[in-house]
Amino acid sequence: MAIAETETGSTGTVDSLEERAACLVNPASGIANDYLNHFNEVLLLIENLPTLLPEMLDELLEWQPVTYREYFAKSLLPGSARALEIYEGLDEGFRREFEGIIDGINAMAMASIDVIRAHRNPEGELDPSRVSDFCENASCAIRSALNRASDLVNNGREQGAETPQGMADRLIPCVA
């Protein structure tokens, strides 16, 4: 699904609130990139947990999956309602494909959180050295799935040009 181009004022800026709302949504897919920030958050928490403990542990343990619809229903971003309308109008198969990737990211994130939670001592503290390798492997898997979601958001079903990061990820896979 392609989103119609917005008109801009003489300064080249988007004029109306509705036009700004349409800018939330990637025209290649009809999905807003902003949603992926929710997953970038948990990825960064897991990735950095061994070095930034204990400040991040509580935040990580409280992280919960949020669907696209829930995310934009709660969002204060201008255009959230429009982003939801556009999402509802997407091809059902395409939307299921995107949601399948998201379900996988959620499953990996929640399983990772469960493993980290299980490694706490009776006082609720965590020894970073006990989860360092796990966090590295988990973040690598989540990043890979998040890259697939990002590719779908940015390119739709079209094959996008390989990015430098994508090439690096392909040529230098994460190692355990």
Protein backbone atom coordinates (compact mmCIF):
# COMPACT_ATOMS: atom_id res chain seq x y z
CA MET A 1 0.00 0.00 0.00
CA ALA A 2 1.37 3.39 -0.88
CA ILE A 3 0.42 6.52 0.99
CA ALA A 4 -0.38 9.59 -1.08
CA GLU A 5 2.32 12.23 -1.07
CA THR A 6 1.56 15.25 1.06
CA GLU A 7 1.61 18.76 -0.20
CA THR A 8 4.08 21.14 1.32
CA GLY A 9 4.01 24.85 1.86
CA SER A 10 6.33 27.25 0.09
CA THR A 11 9.01 26.58 2.71
CA GLY A 12 8.94 22.86 1.95
CA THR A 13 7.42 21.98 5.34
CA VAL A 14 4.29 19.97 5.90
CA ASP A 15 1.44 22.36 6.68
CA SER A 16 -1.50 20.60 8.32
CA LEU A 17 -1.78 18.21 11.22
CA GLU A 18 -3.21 15.56 8.90
CA GLU A 19 -0.25 15.92 6.55
CA ARG A 20 2.13 15.57 9.48
CA ALA A 21 0.21 12.48 10.58
CA ALA A 22 0.65 10.87 7.19
CA CYS A 23 4.39 11.40 7.61
CA LEU A 24 4.37 8.96 10.55
CA VAL A 25 3.52 6.18 8.15
CA ASN A 26 6.09 4.85 5.73
CA PRO A 27 4.60 5.12 2.22
CA ALA A 28 6.24 1.86 1.13
CA SER A 29 4.37 -0.21 3.70
CA GLY A 30 1.66 1.83 5.40
CA ILE A 31 3.29 1.10 8.77
CA ALA A 32 4.78 3.73 11.08
CA ASN A 33 8.46 3.32 11.95
CA ASP A 34 7.83 4.82 15.39
CA TYR A 35 6.28 1.56 16.59
CA LEU A 36 9.63 -0.21 16.31
CA ASN A 37 11.03 2.09 19.03
CA HIS A 38 9.17 -0.05 21.56
CA PHE A 39 11.35 -3.00 20.54
CA ASN A 40 14.53 -0.95 20.28
CA GLU A 41 13.96 -0.15 23.97
CA VAL A 42 13.94 -3.79 25.11
CA LEU A 43 16.81 -4.61 22.77
CA LEU A 44 18.98 -1.88 24.28
CA LEU A 45 18.04 -2.93 27.81
CA ILE A 46 19.05 -6.55 27.19
CA GLU A 47 22.13 -5.59 25.22
CA ASN A 48 23.44 -3.20 27.89
CA LEU A 49 22.23 -5.02 31.00
CA PRO A 50 25.61 -6.60 31.86
CA THR A 51 27.36 -3.23 31.87
CA LEU A 52 24.68 -0.96 33.31
CA LEU A 53 23.19 -3.06 36.07
CA PRO A 54 21.33 -2.57 38.41
CA GLU A 55 19.73 0.61 37.10
CA MET A 56 18.21 -1.14 34.12
CA LEU A 57 17.10 -4.41 35.65
CA ASP A 58 13.76 -3.18 37.02
CA GLU A 59 12.94 -1.40 33.77
CA LEU A 60 13.73 -4.54 31.77
CA LEU A 61 11.68 -6.80 34.06
CA GLU A 62 8.68 -4.48 33.67
CA TRP A 63 8.81 -4.36 29.84
CA GLN A 64 5.69 -5.78 28.18
CA PRO A 65 4.73 -6.46 24.58
CA VAL A 66 2.46 -3.87 22.97
CA THR A 67 0.62 -4.43 19.71
CA TYR A 68 0.70 -1.85 16.93
CA ARG A 69 -2.91 -0.99 17.67
CA GLU A 70 -2.26 -0.62 21.42
CA TYR A 71 0.84 1.47 20.80
CA PHE A 72 -0.94 4.03 18.62
CA ALA A 73 -4.14 3.98 20.69
CA LYS A 74 -2.05 5.22 23.66
CA SER A 75 0.31 7.42 21.65
CA LEU A 76 0.28 11.19 22.03
CA LEU A 77 1.94 11.64 18.64
CA PRO A 78 -0.04 13.80 16.24
CA GLY A 79 -1.40 11.45 13.64
CA SER A 80 -1.67 8.34 15.79
CA ALA A 81 -5.34 7.90 14.93
CA ARG A 82 -4.53 8.26 11.23
CA ALA A 83 -1.69 5.73 11.56
CA LEU A 84 -4.23 3.27 12.98
CA GLU A 85 -6.72 3.96 10.18
CA ILE A 86 -4.04 3.33 7.58
CA TYR A 87 -2.94 0.14 9.36
CA GLU A 88 -6.52 -1.18 9.36
CA GLY A 89 -6.66 -0.58 5.62
CA LEU A 90 -3.55 -2.64 4.85
CA ASP A 91 -3.73 -5.90 2.95
CA GLU A 92 -4.59 -8.54 5.56
CA GLY A 93 -1.83 -10.91 4.43
CA PHE A 94 0.78 -8.16 4.62
CA ARG A 95 -0.44 -7.12 8.06
CA ARG A 96 -0.30 -10.76 9.25
CA GLU A 97 3.25 -11.05 7.91
CA PHE A 98 4.30 -7.97 9.90
CA GLU A 99 2.47 -9.11 13.03
CA GLY A 100 4.12 -12.54 12.74
CA ILE A 101 7.56 -10.94 12.89
CA ILE A 102 6.44 -8.81 15.82
CA ASP A 103 5.07 -11.89 17.61
CA GLY A 104 8.50 -13.50 17.23
CA ILE A 105 10.26 -10.44 18.64
CA ASN A 106 7.84 -10.38 21.57
CA ALA A 107 8.41 -14.09 22.25
CA MET A 108 12.19 -13.67 22.19
CA ALA A 109 12.05 -10.59 24.41
CA MET A 110 9.75 -12.18 26.98
CA ALA A 111 11.75 -15.45 27.04
CA SER A 112 14.93 -13.40 27.53
CA ILE A 113 13.34 -11.47 30.38
CA ASP A 114 12.24 -14.75 31.99
CA VAL A 115 15.78 -16.15 31.79
CA ILE A 116 17.24 -12.97 33.26
CA ARG A 117 14.61 -12.97 36.03
CA ALA A 118 15.47 -16.60 36.86
CA HIS A 119 19.14 -15.68 37.32
CA ARG A 120 18.49 -13.22 40.14
CA ASN A 121 19.63 -14.17 43.62
CA PRO A 122 17.14 -14.39 46.55
CA GLU A 123 17.59 -10.64 47.17
CA GLY A 124 16.52 -9.91 43.60
CA GLU A 125 19.99 -8.86 42.48
CA LEU A 126 21.69 -10.07 39.34
CA ASP A 127 25.34 -10.85 38.81
CA PRO A 128 26.10 -9.38 35.35
CA SER A 129 28.74 -12.01 34.65
CA ARG A 130 26.10 -14.75 34.94
CA VAL A 131 24.01 -13.32 32.08
CA SER A 132 26.58 -11.57 29.92
CA ASP A 133 26.84 -14.25 27.22
CA PHE A 134 23.10 -14.85 27.29
CA CYS A 135 22.36 -11.12 26.84
CA GLU A 136 24.76 -10.95 23.90
CA ASN A 137 23.11 -13.92 22.16
CA ALA A 138 19.58 -12.79 22.95
CA SER A 139 20.19 -9.25 21.74
CA CYS A 140 21.71 -10.59 18.53
CA ALA A 141 18.60 -12.71 17.83
CA ILE A 142 16.22 -9.86 18.68
CA ARG A 143 18.22 -7.42 16.52
CA SER A 144 18.03 -9.82 13.57
CA ALA A 145 14.24 -10.10 13.85
CA LEU A 146 13.91 -6.35 14.40
CA ASN A 147 15.92 -5.78 11.22
CA ARG A 148 13.42 -7.97 9.33
CA ALA A 149 10.55 -5.91 10.75
CA SER A 150 12.33 -2.69 9.84
CA ASP A 151 12.93 -3.93 6.29
CA LEU A 152 9.24 -4.70 5.94
CA VAL A 153 8.26 -1.28 7.32
CA ASN A 154 10.74 0.57 5.13
CA ASN A 155 10.31 -1.41 1.91
CA GLY A 156 6.93 -3.11 2.09
CA ARG A 157 7.05 -6.35 0.16
CA GLU A 158 9.55 -4.87 -2.28
CA GLN A 159 13.12 -6.04 -1.95
CA GLY A 160 15.00 -3.05 -0.57
CA ALA A 161 18.57 -2.22 -1.35
CA GLU A 162 20.92 -3.80 1.14
CA THR A 163 22.08 -1.30 3.72
CA PRO A 164 25.66 -1.20 4.96
CA GLN A 165 24.44 -2.51 8.34
CA GLY A 166 22.51 -5.29 6.63
CA MET A 167 25.59 -6.29 4.67
CA ALA A 168 27.69 -6.30 7.84
CA ASP A 169 25.10 -8.41 9.65
CA ARG A 170 25.01 -10.88 6.76
CA LEU A 171 28.78 -11.13 6.37
CA ILE A 172 29.67 -11.06 10.07
CA PRO A 173 26.96 -13.01 11.84
CA CYS A 174 26.61 -12.80 15.60
CA VAL A 175 28.72 -15.37 17.34
CA ALA A 176 27.95 -17.11 20.58
